Amino acid sequence: MDTRIQFRVDEETKRLAQLMAESQGRTLSDACRELTVGLAEEQKKSMTHDLWLTEQINAAFDKFDSGQAHFIEHDAAKAQMEARKMKIRNRDKM
């Protein structure tokens, strides 16, 4: 079921918005609908990412709690990262 959204703007804002929408071959309602749908899609993406991140964090804590976590010293991690970066840079040069 569709729902209706109402909001108020001053007459000049409405007039200018209608002119812009018409110049693009659409109505002001179409433009508002597209904006609303776009905002909803952005929110869905954000919520999906938040859920994924929460799952990743929980998995890391579960691994830590079970004693299966493997820690790497700072210098070793830094060296591994530099090696990965160099591999990517060298691949880009080919």
N, C-alpha and C. Protein backbone atom coordinates (compact mmCIF):
# COMPACT_ATOMS: atom_id res chain seq x y z
N MET A 1 0.84 -1.18 0.00
CA MET A 1 0.00 0.00 0.00
C MET A 1 0.89 1.25 0.00
N ASP A 2 0.57 2.16 -0.87
CA ASP A 2 1.32 3.42 -0.92
C ASP A 2 0.88 4.32 0.22
N THR A 3 1.77 5.18 0.62
CA THR A 3 1.45 6.15 1.66
C THR A 3 1.67 7.55 1.11
N ARG A 4 1.14 8.50 1.76
CA ARG A 4 1.23 9.89 1.33
C ARG A 4 2.14 10.66 2.28
N ILE A 5 2.99 11.50 1.71
CA ILE A 5 3.88 12.35 2.50
C ILE A 5 3.52 13.79 2.18
N GLN A 6 3.35 14.60 3.20
CA GLN A 6 3.07 16.02 3.01
C GLN A 6 4.10 16.83 3.77
N PHE A 7 4.50 17.94 3.18
CA PHE A 7 5.36 18.88 3.88
C PHE A 7 5.12 20.26 3.31
N ARG A 8 5.56 21.25 4.01
CA ARG A 8 5.30 22.63 3.60
C ARG A 8 6.60 23.34 3.22
N VAL A 9 6.50 24.10 2.15
CA VAL A 9 7.58 25.00 1.74
C VAL A 9 6.92 26.30 1.29
N ASP A 10 7.69 27.35 1.20
CA ASP A 10 7.11 28.62 0.76
C ASP A 10 6.82 28.55 -0.74
N GLU A 11 5.95 29.46 -1.21
CA GLU A 11 5.47 29.45 -2.60
C GLU A 11 6.61 29.58 -3.61
N GLU A 12 7.59 30.43 -3.31
CA GLU A 12 8.70 30.63 -4.25
C GLU A 12 9.53 29.36 -4.39
N THR A 13 9.78 28.69 -3.30
CA THR A 13 10.53 27.43 -3.35
C THR A 13 9.77 26.41 -4.19
N LYS A 14 8.48 26.31 -3.97
CA LYS A 14 7.65 25.37 -4.75
C LYS A 14 7.68 25.73 -6.23
N ARG A 15 7.52 27.00 -6.53
CA ARG A 15 7.51 27.44 -7.93
C ARG A 15 8.82 27.09 -8.63
N LEU A 16 9.94 27.42 -7.97
CA LEU A 16 11.25 27.13 -8.57
C LEU A 16 11.48 25.62 -8.72
N ALA A 17 11.07 24.86 -7.72
CA ALA A 17 11.23 23.41 -7.79
C ALA A 17 10.39 22.83 -8.93
N GLN A 18 9.17 23.34 -9.10
CA GLN A 18 8.32 22.88 -10.20
C GLN A 18 8.94 23.20 -11.55
N LEU A 19 9.49 24.39 -11.68
CA LEU A 19 10.15 24.76 -12.94
C LEU A 19 11.31 23.82 -13.25
N MET A 20 12.11 23.52 -12.23
CA MET A 20 13.24 22.63 -12.45
C MET A 20 12.76 21.23 -12.83
N ALA A 21 11.79 20.73 -12.11
CA ALA A 21 11.26 19.39 -12.41
C ALA A 21 10.70 19.35 -13.83
N GLU A 22 9.92 20.35 -14.20
CA GLU A 22 9.33 20.40 -15.54
C GLU A 22 10.40 20.47 -16.62
N SER A 23 11.49 21.20 -16.34
CA SER A 23 12.56 21.29 -17.33
C SER A 23 13.24 19.94 -17.55
N GLN A 24 13.05 19.03 -16.59
CA GLN A 24 13.62 17.68 -16.69
C GLN A 24 12.57 16.66 -17.15
N GLY A 25 11.39 17.16 -17.51
CA GLY A 25 10.34 16.29 -18.02
C GLY A 25 9.65 15.45 -16.96
N ARG A 26 9.58 15.97 -15.77
CA ARG A 26 8.90 15.24 -14.70
C ARG A 26 8.14 16.21 -13.81
N THR A 27 7.31 15.67 -12.97
CA THR A 27 6.54 16.50 -12.05
C THR A 27 7.32 16.67 -10.75
N LEU A 28 6.88 17.65 -9.98
CA LEU A 28 7.49 17.85 -8.66
C LEU A 28 7.24 16.62 -7.78
N SER A 29 6.07 16.03 -7.90
CA SER A 29 5.79 14.80 -7.15
C SER A 29 6.75 13.68 -7.55
N ASP A 30 7.02 13.55 -8.84
CA ASP A 30 7.98 12.53 -9.31
C ASP A 30 9.35 12.78 -8.69
N ALA A 31 9.78 14.04 -8.69
CA ALA A 31 11.10 14.38 -8.14
C ALA A 31 11.16 14.07 -6.65
N CYS A 32 10.11 14.43 -5.92
CA CYS A 32 10.08 14.14 -4.48
C CYS A 32 10.06 12.64 -4.22
N ARG A 33 9.30 11.91 -5.04
CA ARG A 33 9.24 10.45 -4.91
C ARG A 33 10.62 9.84 -5.14
N GLU A 34 11.31 10.29 -6.20
CA GLU A 34 12.64 9.76 -6.50
C GLU A 34 13.62 10.05 -5.37
N LEU A 35 13.53 11.25 -4.81
CA LEU A 35 14.40 11.59 -3.68
C LEU A 35 14.11 10.68 -2.49
N THR A 36 12.84 10.47 -2.20
CA THR A 36 12.45 9.63 -1.06
C THR A 36 12.91 8.19 -1.27
N VAL A 37 12.72 7.67 -2.47
CA VAL A 37 13.15 6.30 -2.77
C VAL A 37 14.68 6.21 -2.65
N GLY A 38 15.39 7.21 -3.13
CA GLY A 38 16.85 7.23 -3.03
C GLY A 38 17.32 7.25 -1.59
N LEU A 39 16.66 8.06 -0.77
CA LEU A 39 17.01 8.10 0.66
C LEU A 39 16.76 6.75 1.32
N ALA A 40 15.66 6.11 0.97
CA ALA A 40 15.35 4.80 1.54
C ALA A 40 16.40 3.76 1.12
N GLU A 41 16.85 3.81 -0.13
CA GLU A 41 17.88 2.88 -0.60
C GLU A 41 19.21 3.10 0.14
N GLU A 42 19.56 4.37 0.37
CA GLU A 42 20.78 4.67 1.12
C GLU A 42 20.68 4.12 2.55
N GLN A 43 19.49 4.26 3.15
CA GLN A 43 19.30 3.75 4.51
C GLN A 43 19.41 2.23 4.53
N LYS A 44 18.85 1.55 3.53
CA LYS A 44 18.96 0.09 3.45
C LYS A 44 20.43 -0.34 3.38
N LYS A 45 21.19 0.36 2.55
CA LYS A 45 22.62 0.04 2.43
C LYS A 45 23.33 0.25 3.75
N SER A 46 23.02 1.34 4.42
CA SER A 46 23.64 1.63 5.71
C SER A 46 23.29 0.55 6.74
N MET A 47 22.03 0.15 6.77
CA MET A 47 21.60 -0.86 7.72
C MET A 47 22.24 -2.22 7.41
N THR A 48 22.37 -2.53 6.12
CA THR A 48 23.01 -3.78 5.71
C THR A 48 24.47 -3.78 6.13
N HIS A 49 25.15 -2.66 5.92
CA HIS A 49 26.55 -2.56 6.31
C HIS A 49 26.70 -2.67 7.82
N ASP A 50 25.83 -1.98 8.57
CA ASP A 50 25.89 -2.05 10.03
C ASP A 50 25.70 -3.48 10.52
N LEU A 51 24.77 -4.21 9.91
CA LEU A 51 24.54 -5.61 10.28
C LEU A 51 25.77 -6.45 9.99
N TRP A 52 26.36 -6.26 8.80
CA TRP A 52 27.57 -7.00 8.43
C TRP A 52 28.70 -6.70 9.42
N LEU A 53 28.88 -5.42 9.75
CA LEU A 53 29.95 -5.03 10.66
C LEU A 53 29.73 -5.64 12.05
N THR A 54 28.51 -5.62 12.52
CA THR A 54 28.20 -6.23 13.82
C THR A 54 28.52 -7.71 13.80
N GLU A 55 28.18 -8.40 12.72
CA GLU A 55 28.48 -9.82 12.59
C GLU A 55 29.99 -10.07 12.62
N GLN A 56 30.75 -9.21 11.93
CA GLN A 56 32.20 -9.37 11.89
C GLN A 56 32.81 -9.16 13.27
N ILE A 57 32.32 -8.16 13.98
CA ILE A 57 32.83 -7.88 15.33
C ILE A 57 32.49 -9.02 16.27
N ASN A 58 31.25 -9.50 16.20
CA ASN A 58 30.85 -10.63 17.06
C ASN A 58 31.67 -11.87 16.77
N ALA A 59 31.95 -12.13 15.49
CA ALA A 59 32.76 -13.29 15.12
C ALA A 59 34.17 -13.16 15.67
N ALA A 60 34.72 -11.94 15.63
CA ALA A 60 36.07 -11.72 16.16
C ALA A 60 36.09 -11.95 17.67
N PHE A 61 35.09 -11.45 18.39
CA PHE A 61 35.03 -11.68 19.83
C PHE A 61 34.82 -13.15 20.16
N ASP A 62 34.00 -13.85 19.36
CA ASP A 62 33.81 -15.29 19.58
C ASP A 62 35.12 -16.04 19.40
N LYS A 63 35.86 -15.66 18.38
CA LYS A 63 37.16 -16.29 18.12
C LYS A 63 38.12 -16.02 19.28
N PHE A 64 38.10 -14.78 19.76
CA PHE A 64 38.96 -14.43 20.89
C PHE A 64 38.55 -15.21 22.14
N ASP A 65 37.25 -15.24 22.43
CA ASP A 65 36.74 -15.94 23.62
C ASP A 65 37.04 -17.43 23.60
N SER A 66 37.07 -18.02 22.40
CA SER A 66 37.32 -19.46 22.29
C SER A 66 38.81 -19.78 22.28
N GLY A 67 39.65 -18.75 22.29
CA GLY A 67 41.10 -18.97 22.30
C GLY A 67 41.68 -19.26 20.94
N GLN A 68 40.91 -19.04 19.89
CA GLN A 68 41.38 -19.33 18.53
C GLN A 68 41.96 -18.10 17.83
N ALA A 69 41.97 -17.00 18.53
CA ALA A 69 42.50 -15.77 17.92
C ALA A 69 44.01 -15.86 17.79
N HIS A 70 44.53 -15.32 16.71
CA HIS A 70 45.97 -15.31 16.46
C HIS A 70 46.40 -13.85 16.37
N PHE A 71 47.28 -13.44 17.25
CA PHE A 71 47.72 -12.05 17.27
C PHE A 71 49.07 -11.91 16.59
N ILE A 72 49.23 -10.80 15.90
CA ILE A 72 50.48 -10.51 15.18
C ILE A 72 51.08 -9.26 15.79
N GLU A 73 52.36 -9.30 16.07
CA GLU A 73 53.05 -8.14 16.62
C GLU A 73 52.97 -6.97 15.64
N HIS A 74 52.99 -5.78 16.17
CA HIS A 74 52.84 -4.57 15.37
C HIS A 74 53.85 -4.51 14.22
N ASP A 75 55.11 -4.75 14.50
CA ASP A 75 56.13 -4.67 13.46
C ASP A 75 55.91 -5.71 12.37
N ALA A 76 55.50 -6.92 12.77
CA ALA A 76 55.23 -7.97 11.78
C ALA A 76 54.02 -7.60 10.92
N ALA A 77 52.98 -7.06 11.54
CA ALA A 77 51.79 -6.65 10.80
C ALA A 77 52.14 -5.53 9.82
N LYS A 78 52.95 -4.59 10.27
CA LYS A 78 53.37 -3.48 9.42
C LYS A 78 54.16 -4.00 8.22
N ALA A 79 55.05 -4.96 8.46
CA ALA A 79 55.85 -5.53 7.37
C ALA A 79 54.95 -6.29 6.38
N GLN A 80 53.98 -7.04 6.90
CA GLN A 80 53.06 -7.76 6.01
C GLN A 80 52.26 -6.79 5.15
N MET A 81 51.82 -5.71 5.75
CA MET A 81 51.04 -4.72 5.00
C MET A 81 51.89 -4.06 3.92
N GLU A 82 53.11 -3.74 4.23
CA GLU A 82 54.01 -3.15 3.23
C GLU A 82 54.25 -4.12 2.08
N ALA A 83 54.42 -5.40 2.40
CA ALA A 83 54.62 -6.41 1.35
C ALA A 83 53.38 -6.50 0.45
N ARG A 84 52.21 -6.44 1.03
CA ARG A 84 50.97 -6.48 0.23
C ARG A 84 50.87 -5.25 -0.66
N LYS A 85 51.20 -4.09 -0.10
CA LYS A 85 51.15 -2.86 -0.89
C LYS A 85 52.11 -2.93 -2.07
N MET A 86 53.31 -3.42 -1.83
CA MET A 86 54.30 -3.53 -2.90
C MET A 86 53.82 -4.49 -3.99
N LYS A 87 53.21 -5.58 -3.58
CA LYS A 87 52.68 -6.55 -4.54
C LYS A 87 51.63 -5.89 -5.42
N ILE A 88 50.76 -5.10 -4.82
CA ILE A 88 49.72 -4.40 -5.59
C ILE A 88 50.35 -3.35 -6.51
N ARG A 89 51.30 -2.60 -6.00
CA ARG A 89 51.96 -1.57 -6.83
C ARG A 89 52.68 -2.21 -8.01
N ASN A 90 53.35 -3.33 -7.77
CA ASN A 90 54.07 -4.01 -8.84
C ASN A 90 53.11 -4.60 -9.87
N ARG A 91 51.95 -5.05 -9.41
CA ARG A 91 50.95 -5.61 -10.33
C ARG A 91 50.40 -4.50 -11.22
N ASP A 92 50.23 -3.31 -10.67
CA ASP A 92 49.71 -2.19 -11.43
C ASP A 92 50.69 -1.72 -12.52
N LYS A 93 51.99 -1.98 -12.31
CA LYS A 93 53.00 -1.53 -13.28
C LYS A 93 53.09 -2.47 -14.48
N MET A 94 52.55 -3.64 -14.35
CA MET A 94 52.65 -4.63 -15.44
C MET A 94 51.66 -4.39 -16.53
